[in-house]
Amino acid sequence: MTLQPKPIAFAESALCDLEDIQHWYAEQLVPDVGERLVHELVAKVEQLVAFPESGRIVPEFDMPALRELMHPPYRVVYHIAPDAIHVVRVWRSERLLKLP
């Protein structure tokens, strides 16, 4: 029995985070750095199709389905659901995650 790959979905919050990253670097007059970082972050997320559990469990919550990929200085937080992988946030790695 082979496992079917799960599609990746970006929450609006994660998309806004990626836009904010690009805007911040553009304001610092190095837009190419922001674009490169966003491309690297998305490429890292794409590995989750084949390896959804490759990220570590988010230490603040200790929930096996809530994981993160580290790409300094950022962390990509995602949730493994039965039907898809949901990217929730892309934050600076020093920030602690808070859920409502």
C-alpha atoms as a PDB file:
ATOM      1  CA  MET A   1       0.000   0.000   0.000  1.00  0.00           C
ATOM      2  CA  THR A   2       1.499   3.332  -1.038  1.00  0.00           C
ATOM      3  CA  LEU A   3       0.646   6.575   0.669  1.00  0.00           C
ATOM      4  CA  GLN A   4      -0.859   9.282  -1.474  1.00  0.00           C
ATOM      5  CA  PRO A   5       0.961  12.605  -1.288  1.00  0.00           C
ATOM      6  CA  LYS A   6      -0.983  15.339   0.445  1.00  0.00           C
ATOM      7  CA  PRO A   7      -1.510  18.687  -1.230  1.00  0.00           C
ATOM      8  CA  ILE A   8      -0.075  21.786   0.409  1.00  0.00           C
ATOM      9  CA  ALA A   9      -2.348  24.694   1.270  1.00  0.00           C
ATOM     10  CA  PHE A  10      -1.176  28.090   2.511  1.00  0.00           C
ATOM     11  CA  ALA A  11      -3.358  29.866   5.057  1.00  0.00           C
ATOM     12  CA  GLU A  12      -3.937  33.541   4.392  1.00  0.00           C
ATOM     13  CA  SER A  13      -1.811  34.304   7.462  1.00  0.00           C
ATOM     14  CA  ALA A  14       1.156  32.439   5.940  1.00  0.00           C
ATOM     15  CA  LEU A  15       0.755  34.198   2.598  1.00  0.00           C
ATOM     16  CA  CYS A  16       0.683  37.553   4.398  1.00  0.00           C
ATOM     17  CA  ASP A  17       3.829  36.551   6.298  1.00  0.00           C
ATOM     18  CA  LEU A  18       5.635  35.823   3.016  1.00  0.00           C
ATOM     19  CA  GLU A  19       4.511  39.158   1.588  1.00  0.00           C
ATOM     20  CA  ASP A  20       5.690  40.933   4.748  1.00  0.00           C
ATOM     21  CA  ILE A  21       9.106  39.308   4.402  1.00  0.00           C
ATOM     22  CA  GLN A  22       9.426  40.591   0.842  1.00  0.00           C
ATOM     23  CA  HIS A  23       8.225  44.076   1.812  1.00  0.00           C
ATOM     24  CA  TRP A  24      10.617  44.323   4.749  1.00  0.00           C
ATOM     25  CA  TYR A  25      13.657  43.478   2.637  1.00  0.00           C
ATOM     26  CA  ALA A  26      12.465  45.843  -0.090  1.00  0.00           C
ATOM     27  CA  GLU A  27      12.282  48.635   2.516  1.00  0.00           C
ATOM     28  CA  GLN A  28      15.863  47.764   3.495  1.00  0.00           C
ATOM     29  CA  LEU A  29      16.788  48.311  -0.177  1.00  0.00           C
ATOM     30  CA  VAL A  30      17.677  44.648  -0.754  1.00  0.00           C
ATOM     31  CA  PRO A  31      14.559  43.281  -2.484  1.00  0.00           C
ATOM     32  CA  ASP A  32      16.569  40.455  -4.061  1.00  0.00           C
ATOM     33  CA  VAL A  33      17.287  39.061  -0.572  1.00  0.00           C
ATOM     34  CA  GLY A  34      13.566  39.002   0.238  1.00  0.00           C
ATOM     35  CA  GLU A  35      12.703  37.306  -3.031  1.00  0.00           C
ATOM     36  CA  ARG A  36      15.445  34.716  -2.547  1.00  0.00           C
ATOM     37  CA  LEU A  37      14.300  33.978   1.011  1.00  0.00           C
ATOM     38  CA  VAL A  38      10.674  33.540  -0.020  1.00  0.00           C
ATOM     39  CA  HIS A  39      11.710  31.173  -2.839  1.00  0.00           C
ATOM     40  CA  GLU A  40      13.854  29.180  -0.405  1.00  0.00           C
ATOM     41  CA  LEU A  41      11.009  28.992   2.123  1.00  0.00           C
ATOM     42  CA  VAL A  42       8.527  27.795  -0.504  1.00  0.00           C
ATOM     43  CA  ALA A  43      11.035  25.203  -1.758  1.00  0.00           C
ATOM     44  CA  LYS A  44      11.432  23.949   1.794  1.00  0.00           C
ATOM     45  CA  VAL A  45       7.644  23.632   2.109  1.00  0.00           C
ATOM     46  CA  GLU A  46       7.481  21.671  -1.151  1.00  0.00           C
ATOM     47  CA  GLN A  47       9.545  18.877   0.452  1.00  0.00           C
ATOM     48  CA  LEU A  48       6.554  18.226   2.720  1.00  0.00           C
ATOM     49  CA  VAL A  49       4.677  16.578  -0.150  1.00  0.00           C
ATOM     50  CA  ALA A  50       7.048  13.613   0.103  1.00  0.00           C
ATOM     51  CA  PHE A  51       8.059  13.986   3.763  1.00  0.00           C
ATOM     52  CA  PRO A  52       5.204  15.585   5.767  1.00  0.00           C
ATOM     53  CA  GLU A  53       6.704  14.658   9.122  1.00  0.00           C
ATOM     54  CA  SER A  54      10.178  15.970   8.320  1.00  0.00           C
ATOM     55  CA  GLY A  55       9.680  19.089  10.439  1.00  0.00           C
ATOM     56  CA  ARG A  56      10.073  19.010  14.187  1.00  0.00           C
ATOM     57  CA  ILE A  57       7.089  19.150  16.515  1.00  0.00           C
ATOM     58  CA  VAL A  58       6.479  22.769  17.573  1.00  0.00           C
ATOM     59  CA  PRO A  59       7.939  22.857  21.115  1.00  0.00           C
ATOM     60  CA  GLU A  60       5.404  25.382  22.425  1.00  0.00           C
ATOM     61  CA  PHE A  61       2.532  22.934  21.830  1.00  0.00           C
ATOM     62  CA  ASP A  62       3.960  19.388  21.733  1.00  0.00           C
ATOM     63  CA  MET A  63       1.260  18.281  19.246  1.00  0.00           C
ATOM     64  CA  PRO A  64       2.479  15.721  16.655  1.00  0.00           C
ATOM     65  CA  ALA A  65       0.323  17.213  13.876  1.00  0.00           C
ATOM     66  CA  LEU A  66       1.687  20.761  14.413  1.00  0.00           C
ATOM     67  CA  ARG A  67       5.224  20.943  13.072  1.00  0.00           C
ATOM     68  CA  GLU A  68       7.775  23.422  11.841  1.00  0.00           C
ATOM     69  CA  LEU A  69      10.589  23.662   9.359  1.00  0.00           C
ATOM     70  CA  MET A  70      13.517  25.840  10.322  1.00  0.00           C
ATOM     71  CA  HIS A  71      15.119  28.103   7.746  1.00  0.00           C
ATOM     72  CA  PRO A  72      17.018  30.708   9.756  1.00  0.00           C
ATOM     73  CA  PRO A  73      15.997  33.299  10.557  1.00  0.00           C
ATOM     74  CA  TYR A  74      12.501  31.897   9.883  1.00  0.00           C
ATOM     75  CA  ARG A  75      10.325  29.036  11.002  1.00  0.00           C
ATOM     76  CA  VAL A  76       7.547  27.653   8.814  1.00  0.00           C
ATOM     77  CA  VAL A  77       4.720  26.311  10.988  1.00  0.00           C
ATOM     78  CA  TYR A  78       2.386  23.770   9.424  1.00  0.00           C
ATOM     79  CA  HIS A  79      -0.400  21.387  10.391  1.00  0.00           C
ATOM     80  CA  ILE A  80      -0.685  17.865   9.030  1.00  0.00           C
ATOM     81  CA  ALA A  81      -4.371  17.191   8.407  1.00  0.00           C
ATOM     82  CA  PRO A  82      -5.838  13.979   6.956  1.00  0.00           C
ATOM     83  CA  ASP A  83      -6.525  15.673   3.603  1.00  0.00           C
ATOM     84  CA  ALA A  84      -3.696  18.230   3.259  1.00  0.00           C
ATOM     85  CA  ILE A  85      -0.715  19.968   4.774  1.00  0.00           C
ATOM     86  CA  HIS A  86      -1.696  23.458   5.918  1.00  0.00           C
ATOM     87  CA  VAL A  87       1.064  26.051   6.217  1.00  0.00           C
ATOM     88  CA  VAL A  88      -0.100  28.277   9.068  1.00  0.00           C
ATOM     89  CA  ARG A  89       2.641  30.883   9.684  1.00  0.00           C
ATOM     90  CA  VAL A  90       6.099  31.923   8.553  1.00  0.00           C
ATOM     91  CA  TRP A  91       7.719  33.750  11.444  1.00  0.00           C
ATOM     92  CA  ARG A  92      11.082  34.873  12.692  1.00  0.00           C
ATOM     93  CA  SER A  93      12.572  31.941  14.577  1.00  0.00           C
ATOM     94  CA  GLU A  94      12.944  33.870  17.832  1.00  0.00           C
ATOM     95  CA  ARG A  95       9.168  34.488  18.071  1.00  0.00           C
ATOM     96  CA  LEU A  96       7.097  32.133  20.157  1.00  0.00           C
ATOM     97  CA  LEU A  97       3.982  30.789  18.504  1.00  0.00           C
ATOM     98  CA  LYS A  98       0.627  31.673  20.049  1.00  0.00           C
ATOM     99  CA  LEU A  99      -2.604  30.140  18.884  1.00  0.00           C
ATOM    100  CA  PRO A 100      -6.023  31.650  19.633  1.00  0.00           C
END
